[in-house]
Amino acid sequence: MKTFEDLFVELSAKAASQDPDSGTVKQLNKGKHSIGKKIVEEAAEVWMAAEFQSKEETAEEISQLVYHLEVMMIACDLKPEDIYRHL
């Protein structure tokens, strides 16, 4: 099981590798606008799952939203501690 921090370390390493086959690298190369659209899409899917689907499906959608949020963090050169200061 991964934590928020584990995922961030993993995604940061992928970003640093610039592996052209990495989905994370592809998202980063598309830029903040594209990443932002994915965040909006995933947020809507979280809402719909919470309203109409199971607890497990809702958790899965939330995990996908967290992934895209972390990709945006990397695109914006933010670290988890930058976010934690505002919680």
PDB file of N, CA and C in Angstrom:
ATOM      1  N   MET A   1       0.845  -1.175   0.000  1.00  0.00           N
ATOM      2  CA  MET A   1       0.000   0.000   0.000  1.00  0.00           C
ATOM      3  C   MET A   1       0.891   1.239   0.000  1.00  0.00           C
ATOM      4  N   LYS A   2       0.582   2.204  -0.857  1.00  0.00           N
ATOM      5  CA  LYS A   2       1.349   3.447  -0.962  1.00  0.00           C
ATOM      6  C   LYS A   2       0.716   4.533  -0.114  1.00  0.00           C
ATOM      7  N   THR A   3       1.553   5.411   0.371  1.00  0.00           N
ATOM      8  CA  THR A   3       1.072   6.620   1.031  1.00  0.00           C
ATOM      9  C   THR A   3       1.142   7.776   0.032  1.00  0.00           C
ATOM     10  N   PHE A   4       0.587   8.894   0.434  1.00  0.00           N
ATOM     11  CA  PHE A   4       0.658  10.107  -0.376  1.00  0.00           C
ATOM     12  C   PHE A   4       2.117  10.426  -0.687  1.00  0.00           C
ATOM     13  N   GLU A   5       2.968  10.355   0.343  1.00  0.00           N
ATOM     14  CA  GLU A   5       4.380  10.678   0.184  1.00  0.00           C
ATOM     15  C   GLU A   5       5.080   9.670  -0.722  1.00  0.00           C
ATOM     16  N   ASP A   6       4.753   8.372  -0.568  1.00  0.00           N
ATOM     17  CA  ASP A   6       5.356   7.341  -1.424  1.00  0.00           C
ATOM     18  C   ASP A   6       5.030   7.606  -2.891  1.00  0.00           C
ATOM     19  N   LEU A   7       3.786   7.922  -3.157  1.00  0.00           N
ATOM     20  CA  LEU A   7       3.372   8.193  -4.531  1.00  0.00           C
ATOM     21  C   LEU A   7       4.099   9.410  -5.069  1.00  0.00           C
ATOM     22  N   PHE A   8       4.249  10.440  -4.252  1.00  0.00           N
ATOM     23  CA  PHE A   8       4.927  11.655  -4.708  1.00  0.00           C
ATOM     24  C   PHE A   8       6.383  11.352  -5.074  1.00  0.00           C
ATOM     25  N   VAL A   9       7.058  10.564  -4.252  1.00  0.00           N
ATOM     26  CA  VAL A   9       8.449  10.185  -4.539  1.00  0.00           C
ATOM     27  C   VAL A   9       8.514   9.399  -5.852  1.00  0.00           C
ATOM     28  N   GLU A  10       7.602   8.456  -6.022  1.00  0.00           N
ATOM     29  CA  GLU A  10       7.564   7.648  -7.244  1.00  0.00           C
ATOM     30  C   GLU A  10       7.328   8.522  -8.475  1.00  0.00           C
ATOM     31  N   LEU A  11       6.361   9.419  -8.405  1.00  0.00           N
ATOM     32  CA  LEU A  11       6.052  10.271  -9.557  1.00  0.00           C
ATOM     33  C   LEU A  11       7.175  11.257  -9.839  1.00  0.00           C
ATOM     34  N   SER A  12       7.808  11.766  -8.802  1.00  0.00           N
ATOM     35  CA  SER A  12       8.947  12.678  -8.986  1.00  0.00           C
ATOM     36  C   SER A  12      10.091  11.973  -9.698  1.00  0.00           C
ATOM     37  N   ALA A  13      10.344  10.710  -9.334  1.00  0.00           N
ATOM     38  CA  ALA A  13      11.396   9.932  -9.989  1.00  0.00           C
ATOM     39  C   ALA A  13      11.059   9.704 -11.459  1.00  0.00           C
ATOM     40  N   LYS A  14       9.792   9.419 -11.736  1.00  0.00           N
ATOM     41  CA  LYS A  14       9.379   9.242 -13.133  1.00  0.00           C
ATOM     42  C   LYS A  14       9.576  10.532 -13.913  1.00  0.00           C
ATOM     43  N   ALA A  15       9.215  11.647 -13.303  1.00  0.00           N
ATOM     44  CA  ALA A  15       9.378  12.946 -13.970  1.00  0.00           C
ATOM     45  C   ALA A  15      10.853  13.213 -14.260  1.00  0.00           C
ATOM     46  N   ALA A  16      11.710  12.907 -13.310  1.00  0.00           N
ATOM     47  CA  ALA A  16      13.143  13.135 -13.477  1.00  0.00           C
ATOM     48  C   ALA A  16      13.734  12.242 -14.561  1.00  0.00           C
ATOM     49  N   SER A  17      13.189  11.045 -14.721  1.00  0.00           N
ATOM     50  CA  SER A  17      13.715  10.092 -15.710  1.00  0.00           C
ATOM     51  C   SER A  17      13.423  10.519 -17.142  1.00  0.00           C
ATOM     52  N   GLN A  18      12.346  11.269 -17.313  1.00  0.00           N
ATOM     53  CA  GLN A  18      11.887  11.695 -18.646  1.00  0.00           C
ATOM     54  C   GLN A  18      11.704  10.518 -19.604  1.00  0.00           C
ATOM     55  N   ASP A  19      11.301   9.371 -19.067  1.00  0.00           N
ATOM     56  CA  ASP A  19      11.022   8.187 -19.884  1.00  0.00           C
ATOM     57  C   ASP A  19       9.831   8.503 -20.788  1.00  0.00           C
ATOM     58  N   PRO A  20      10.018   8.490 -22.093  1.00  0.00           N
ATOM     59  CA  PRO A  20       8.925   8.856 -23.002  1.00  0.00           C
ATOM     60  C   PRO A  20       7.740   7.884 -22.969  1.00  0.00           C
ATOM     61  N   ASP A  21       7.934   6.696 -22.389  1.00  0.00           N
ATOM     62  CA  ASP A  21       6.840   5.727 -22.286  1.00  0.00           C
ATOM     63  C   ASP A  21       6.029   5.890 -21.001  1.00  0.00           C
ATOM     64  N   SER A  22       6.474   6.752 -20.098  1.00  0.00           N
ATOM     65  CA  SER A  22       5.794   6.962 -18.812  1.00  0.00           C
ATOM     66  C   SER A  22       4.554   7.832 -19.000  1.00  0.00           C
ATOM     67  N   GLY A  23       3.421   7.352 -18.503  1.00  0.00           N
ATOM     68  CA  GLY A  23       2.193   8.152 -18.552  1.00  0.00           C
ATOM     69  C   GLY A  23       2.334   9.446 -17.772  1.00  0.00           C
ATOM     70  N   THR A  24       3.069   9.398 -16.682  1.00  0.00           N
ATOM     71  CA  THR A  24       3.289  10.600 -15.878  1.00  0.00           C
ATOM     72  C   THR A  24       4.085  11.630 -16.677  1.00  0.00           C
ATOM     73  N   VAL A  25       5.142  11.188 -17.339  1.00  0.00           N
ATOM     74  CA  VAL A  25       5.962  12.092 -18.157  1.00  0.00           C
ATOM     75  C   VAL A  25       5.118  12.678 -19.291  1.00  0.00           C
ATOM     76  N   LYS A  26       4.295  11.847 -19.899  1.00  0.00           N
ATOM     77  CA  LYS A  26       3.428  12.335 -20.977  1.00  0.00           C
ATOM     78  C   LYS A  26       2.483  13.423 -20.470  1.00  0.00           C
ATOM     79  N   GLN A  27       1.894  13.198 -19.290  1.00  0.00           N
ATOM     80  CA  GLN A  27       0.999  14.210 -18.712  1.00  0.00           C
ATOM     81  C   GLN A  27       1.758  15.501 -18.432  1.00  0.00           C
ATOM     82  N   LEU A  28       2.930  15.391 -17.836  1.00  0.00           N
ATOM     83  CA  LEU A  28       3.725  16.582 -17.528  1.00  0.00           C
ATOM     84  C   LEU A  28       4.097  17.339 -18.796  1.00  0.00           C
ATOM     85  N   ASN A  29       4.435  16.614 -19.837  1.00  0.00           N
ATOM     86  CA  ASN A  29       4.819  17.264 -21.093  1.00  0.00           C
ATOM     87  C   ASN A  29       3.647  17.957 -21.778  1.00  0.00           C
ATOM     88  N   LYS A  30       2.427  17.539 -21.481  1.00  0.00           N
ATOM     89  CA  LYS A  30       1.244  18.212 -22.030  1.00  0.00           C
ATOM     90  C   LYS A  30       0.986  19.545 -21.348  1.00  0.00           C
ATOM     91  N   GLY A  31       1.488  19.703 -20.124  1.00  0.00           N
ATOM     92  CA  GLY A  31       1.385  20.987 -19.442  1.00  0.00           C
ATOM     93  C   GLY A  31       0.241  21.086 -18.444  1.00  0.00           C
ATOM     94  N   LYS A  32       0.265  22.191 -17.732  1.00  0.00           N
ATOM     95  CA  LYS A  32      -0.677  22.439 -16.636  1.00  0.00           C
ATOM     96  C   LYS A  32      -2.124  22.490 -17.098  1.00  0.00           C
ATOM     97  N   HIS A  33      -2.370  23.024 -18.277  1.00  0.00           N
ATOM     98  CA  HIS A  33      -3.751  23.115 -18.765  1.00  0.00           C
ATOM     99  C   HIS A  33      -4.347  21.713 -18.913  1.00  0.00           C
ATOM    100  N   SER A  34      -3.598  20.834 -19.539  1.00  0.00           N
ATOM    101  CA  SER A  34      -4.065  19.462 -19.741  1.00  0.00           C
ATOM    102  C   SER A  34      -4.218  18.729 -18.411  1.00  0.00           C
ATOM    103  N   ILE A  35      -3.259  18.917 -17.523  1.00  0.00           N
ATOM    104  CA  ILE A  35      -3.335  18.295 -16.200  1.00  0.00           C
ATOM    105  C   ILE A  35      -4.561  18.817 -15.454  1.00  0.00           C
ATOM    106  N   GLY A  36      -4.798  20.106 -15.548  1.00  0.00           N
ATOM    107  CA  GLY A  36      -5.957  20.710 -14.891  1.00  0.00           C
ATOM    108  C   GLY A  36      -7.268  20.139 -15.396  1.00  0.00           C
ATOM    109  N   LYS A  37      -7.358  19.907 -16.697  1.00  0.00           N
ATOM    110  CA  LYS A  37      -8.568  19.301 -17.254  1.00  0.00           C
ATOM    111  C   LYS A  37      -8.777  17.901 -16.689  1.00  0.00           C
ATOM    112  N   LYS A  38      -7.693  17.136 -16.512  1.00  0.00           N
ATOM    113  CA  LYS A  38      -7.812  15.800 -15.923  1.00  0.00           C
ATOM    114  C   LYS A  38      -8.272  15.889 -14.472  1.00  0.00           C
ATOM    115  N   ILE A  39      -7.791  16.885 -13.744  1.00  0.00           N
ATOM    116  CA  ILE A  39      -8.207  17.057 -12.350  1.00  0.00           C
ATOM    117  C   ILE A  39      -9.703  17.326 -12.282  1.00  0.00           C
ATOM    118  N   VAL A  40     -10.198  18.201 -13.142  1.00  0.00           N
ATOM    119  CA  VAL A  40     -11.629  18.512 -13.163  1.00  0.00           C
ATOM    120  C   VAL A  40     -12.427  17.263 -13.520  1.00  0.00           C
ATOM    121  N   GLU A  41     -11.966  16.518 -14.511  1.00  0.00           N
ATOM    122  CA  GLU A  41     -12.648  15.284 -14.918  1.00  0.00           C
ATOM    123  C   GLU A  41     -12.686  14.274 -13.765  1.00  0.00           C
ATOM    124  N   GLU A  42     -11.549  14.080 -13.125  1.00  0.00           N
ATOM    125  CA  GLU A  42     -11.487  13.114 -12.023  1.00  0.00           C
ATOM    126  C   GLU A  42     -12.326  13.566 -10.833  1.00  0.00           C
ATOM    127  N   ALA A  43     -12.354  14.859 -10.551  1.00  0.00           N
ATOM    128  CA  ALA A  43     -13.174  15.366  -9.444  1.00  0.00           C
ATOM    129  C   ALA A  43     -14.649  15.076  -9.709  1.00  0.00           C
ATOM    130  N   ALA A  44     -15.075  15.250 -10.955  1.00  0.00           N
ATOM    131  CA  ALA A  44     -16.469  14.944 -11.304  1.00  0.00           C
ATOM    132  C   ALA A  44     -16.742  13.445 -11.140  1.00  0.00           C
ATOM    133  N   GLU A  45     -15.786  12.617 -11.492  1.00  0.00           N
ATOM    134  CA  GLU A  45     -15.969  11.172 -11.349  1.00  0.00           C
ATOM    135  C   GLU A  45     -16.029  10.760  -9.879  1.00  0.00           C
ATOM    136  N   VAL A  46     -15.280  11.456  -9.032  1.00  0.00           N
ATOM    137  CA  VAL A  46     -15.359  11.197  -7.586  1.00  0.00           C
ATOM    138  C   VAL A  46     -16.771  11.500  -7.101  1.00  0.00           C
ATOM    139  N   TRP A  47     -17.278  12.642  -7.478  1.00  0.00           N
ATOM    140  CA  TRP A  47     -18.618  13.059  -7.064  1.00  0.00           C
ATOM    141  C   TRP A  47     -19.667  12.049  -7.523  1.00  0.00           C
ATOM    142  N   MET A  48     -19.599  11.655  -8.797  1.00  0.00           N
ATOM    143  CA  MET A  48     -20.591  10.722  -9.333  1.00  0.00           C
ATOM    144  C   MET A  48     -20.480   9.355  -8.658  1.00  0.00           C
ATOM    145  N   ALA A  49     -19.252   8.905  -8.398  1.00  0.00           N
ATOM    146  CA  ALA A  49     -19.084   7.621  -7.715  1.00  0.00           C
ATOM    147  C   ALA A  49     -19.648   7.699  -6.305  1.00  0.00           C
ATOM    148  N   ALA A  50     -19.405   8.802  -5.623  1.00  0.00           N
ATOM    149  CA  ALA A  50     -19.915   8.969  -4.255  1.00  0.00           C
ATOM    150  C   ALA A  50     -21.437   8.967  -4.232  1.00  0.00           C
ATOM    151  N   GLU A  51     -22.041   9.516  -5.260  1.00  0.00           N
ATOM    152  CA  GLU A  51     -23.502   9.580  -5.340  1.00  0.00           C
ATOM    153  C   GLU A  51     -24.144   8.254  -5.752  1.00  0.00           C
ATOM    154  N   PHE A  52     -23.507   7.557  -6.704  1.00  0.00           N
ATOM    155  CA  PHE A  52     -24.203   6.459  -7.360  1.00  0.00           C
ATOM    156  C   PHE A  52     -23.477   5.114  -7.374  1.00  0.00           C
ATOM    157  N   GLN A  53     -22.253   5.062  -6.858  1.00  0.00           N
ATOM    158  CA  GLN A  53     -21.502   3.821  -6.935  1.00  0.00           C
ATOM    159  C   GLN A  53     -21.096   3.351  -5.541  1.00  0.00           C
ATOM    160  N   SER A  54     -20.341   2.285  -5.519  1.00  0.00           N
ATOM    161  CA  SER A  54     -19.948   1.678  -4.245  1.00  0.00           C
ATOM    162  C   SER A  54     -18.828   2.454  -3.561  1.00  0.00           C
ATOM    163  N   LYS A  55     -18.629   2.114  -2.318  1.00  0.00           N
ATOM    164  CA  LYS A  55     -17.539   2.683  -1.531  1.00  0.00           C
ATOM    165  C   LYS A  55     -16.187   2.381  -2.205  1.00  0.00           C
ATOM    166  N   GLU A  56     -16.024   1.158  -2.689  1.00  0.00           N
ATOM    167  CA  GLU A  56     -14.781   0.749  -3.360  1.00  0.00           C
ATOM    168  C   GLU A  56     -14.551   1.555  -4.637  1.00  0.00           C
ATOM    169  N   GLU A  57     -15.587   1.733  -5.440  1.00  0.00           N
ATOM    170  CA  GLU A  57     -15.459   2.517  -6.676  1.00  0.00           C
ATOM    171  C   GLU A  57     -15.159   3.983  -6.363  1.00  0.00           C
ATOM    172  N   THR A  58     -15.743   4.490  -5.299  1.00  0.00           N
ATOM    173  CA  THR A  58     -15.467   5.866  -4.882  1.00  0.00           C
ATOM    174  C   THR A  58     -14.006   6.012  -4.461  1.00  0.00           C
ATOM    175  N   ALA A  59     -13.513   5.041  -3.703  1.00  0.00           N
ATOM    176  CA  ALA A  59     -12.107   5.067  -3.278  1.00  0.00           C
ATOM    177  C   ALA A  59     -11.172   5.038  -4.485  1.00  0.00           C
ATOM    178  N   GLU A  60     -11.511   4.230  -5.475  1.00  0.00           N
ATOM    179  CA  GLU A  60     -10.689   4.155  -6.687  1.00  0.00           C
ATOM    180  C   GLU A  60     -10.664   5.502  -7.415  1.00  0.00           C
ATOM    181  N   GLU A  61     -11.817   6.127  -7.540  1.00  0.00           N
ATOM    182  CA  GLU A  61     -11.870   7.442  -8.199  1.00  0.00           C
ATOM    183  C   GLU A  61     -11.080   8.489  -7.412  1.00  0.00           C
ATOM    184  N   ILE A  62     -11.154   8.440  -6.095  1.00  0.00           N
ATOM    185  CA  ILE A  62     -10.386   9.378  -5.273  1.00  0.00           C
ATOM    186  C   ILE A  62      -8.897   9.150  -5.478  1.00  0.00           C
ATOM    187  N   SER A  63      -8.471   7.884  -5.582  1.00  0.00           N
ATOM    188  CA  SER A  63      -7.050   7.608  -5.803  1.00  0.00           C
ATOM    189  C   SER A  63      -6.579   8.192  -7.137  1.00  0.00           C
ATOM    190  N   GLN A  64      -7.428   8.136  -8.147  1.00  0.00           N
ATOM    191  CA  GLN A  64      -7.066   8.711  -9.440  1.00  0.00           C
ATOM    192  C   GLN A  64      -6.969  10.238  -9.357  1.00  0.00           C
ATOM    193  N   LEU A  65      -7.854  10.843  -8.594  1.00  0.00           N
ATOM    194  CA  LEU A  65      -7.786  12.286  -8.393  1.00  0.00           C
ATOM    195  C   LEU A  65      -6.495  12.666  -7.680  1.00  0.00           C
ATOM    196  N   VAL A  66      -6.140  11.910  -6.648  1.00  0.00           N
ATOM    197  CA  VAL A  66      -4.889  12.178  -5.917  1.00  0.00           C
ATOM    198  C   VAL A  66      -3.698  12.089  -6.870  1.00  0.00           C
ATOM    199  N   TYR A  67      -3.682  11.075  -7.726  1.00  0.00           N
ATOM    200  CA  TYR A  67      -2.601  10.936  -8.710  1.00  0.00           C
ATOM    201  C   TYR A  67      -2.472  12.213  -9.545  1.00  0.00           C
ATOM    202  N   HIS A  68      -3.562  12.671 -10.114  1.00  0.00           N
ATOM    203  CA  HIS A  68      -3.503  13.843 -10.988  1.00  0.00           C
ATOM    204  C   HIS A  68      -3.163  15.114 -10.204  1.00  0.00           C
ATOM    205  N   LEU A  69      -3.589  15.203  -8.968  1.00  0.00           N
ATOM    206  CA  LEU A  69      -3.197  16.337  -8.131  1.00  0.00           C
ATOM    207  C   LEU A  69      -1.691  16.333  -7.894  1.00  0.00           C
ATOM    208  N   GLU A  70      -1.138  15.161  -7.671  1.00  0.00           N
ATOM    209  CA  GLU A  70       0.304  15.080  -7.459  1.00  0.00           C
ATOM    210  C   GLU A  70       1.078  15.399  -8.742  1.00  0.00           C
ATOM    211  N   VAL A  71       0.551  15.005  -9.890  1.00  0.00           N
ATOM    212  CA  VAL A  71       1.185  15.377 -11.157  1.00  0.00           C
ATOM    213  C   VAL A  71       1.192  16.904 -11.281  1.00  0.00           C
ATOM    214  N   MET A  72       0.088  17.549 -10.916  1.00  0.00           N
ATOM    215  CA  MET A  72       0.047  19.013 -10.961  1.00  0.00           C
ATOM    216  C   MET A  72       1.038  19.620  -9.972  1.00  0.00           C
ATOM    217  N   MET A  73       1.166  19.018  -8.803  1.00  0.00           N
ATOM    218  CA  MET A  73       2.160  19.498  -7.836  1.00  0.00           C
ATOM    219  C   MET A  73       3.552  19.504  -8.460  1.00  0.00           C
ATOM    220  N   ILE A  74       3.897  18.417  -9.141  1.00  0.00           N
ATOM    221  CA  ILE A  74       5.210  18.322  -9.776  1.00  0.00           C
ATOM    222  C   ILE A  74       5.341  19.369 -10.879  1.00  0.00           C
ATOM    223  N   ALA A  75       4.305  19.544 -11.672  1.00  0.00           N
ATOM    224  CA  ALA A  75       4.321  20.548 -12.745  1.00  0.00           C
ATOM    225  C   ALA A  75       4.520  21.953 -12.193  1.00  0.00           C
ATOM    226  N   CYS A  76       4.028  22.178 -10.983  1.00  0.00           N
ATOM    227  CA  CYS A  76       4.127  23.505 -10.349  1.00  0.00           C
ATOM    228  C   CYS A  76       5.309  23.616  -9.392  1.00  0.00           C
ATOM    229  N   ASP A  77       6.163  22.587  -9.377  1.00  0.00           N
ATOM    230  CA  ASP A  77       7.332  22.547  -8.490  1.00  0.00           C
ATOM    231  C   ASP A  77       6.932  22.712  -7.020  1.00  0.00           C
ATOM    232  N   LEU A  78       5.861  22.028  -6.643  1.00  0.00           N
ATOM    233  CA  LEU A  78       5.400  22.023  -5.254  1.00  0.00           C
ATOM    234  C   LEU A  78       5.759  20.688  -4.612  1.00  0.00           C
ATOM    235  N   LYS A  79       6.044  20.723  -3.337  1.00  0.00           N
ATOM    236  CA  LYS A  79       6.334  19.532  -2.547  1.00  0.00           C
ATOM    237  C   LYS A  79       5.176  19.314  -1.571  1.00  0.00           C
ATOM    238  N   PRO A  80       5.037  18.108  -1.031  1.00  0.00           N
ATOM    239  CA  PRO A  80       3.957  17.871  -0.066  1.00  0.00           C
ATOM    240  C   PRO A  80       3.947  18.875   1.086  1.00  0.00           C
ATOM    241  N   GLU A  81       5.139  19.249   1.568  1.00  0.00           N
ATOM    242  CA  GLU A  81       5.152  20.205   2.692  1.00  0.00           C
ATOM    243  C   GLU A  81       4.556  21.558   2.312  1.00  0.00           C
ATOM    244  N   ASP A  82       4.644  21.928   1.025  1.00  0.00           N
ATOM    245  CA  ASP A  82       4.022  23.177   0.574  1.00  0.00           C
ATOM    246  C   ASP A  82       2.507  23.097   0.730  1.00  0.00           C
ATOM    247  N   ILE A  83       1.959  21.913   0.522  1.00  0.00           N
ATOM    248  CA  ILE A  83       0.520  21.710   0.656  1.00  0.00           C
ATOM    249  C   ILE A  83       0.129  21.594   2.121  1.00  0.00           C
ATOM    250  N   TYR A  84       0.920  20.834   2.869  1.00  0.00           N
ATOM    251  CA  TYR A  84       0.602  20.610   4.289  1.00  0.00           C
ATOM    252  C   TYR A  84       0.521  21.910   5.080  1.00  0.00           C
ATOM    253  N   ARG A  85       1.282  22.917   4.671  1.00  0.00           N
ATOM    254  CA  ARG A  85       1.233  24.219   5.381  1.00  0.00           C
ATOM    255  C   ARG A  85      -0.160  24.838   5.349  1.00  0.00           C
ATOM    256  N   HIS A  86      -0.963  24.423   4.379  1.00  0.00           N
ATOM    257  CA  HIS A  86      -2.293  25.018   4.211  1.00  0.00           C
ATOM    258  C   HIS A  86      -3.417  24.133   4.712  1.00  0.00           C
ATOM    259  N   LEU A  87      -3.082  22.979   5.262  1.00  0.00           N
ATOM    260  CA  LEU A  87      -4.130  22.091   5.777  1.00  0.00           C
ATOM    261  C   LEU A  87      -4.541  22.502   7.185  1.00  0.00           C
TER     262      LEU A  87
END
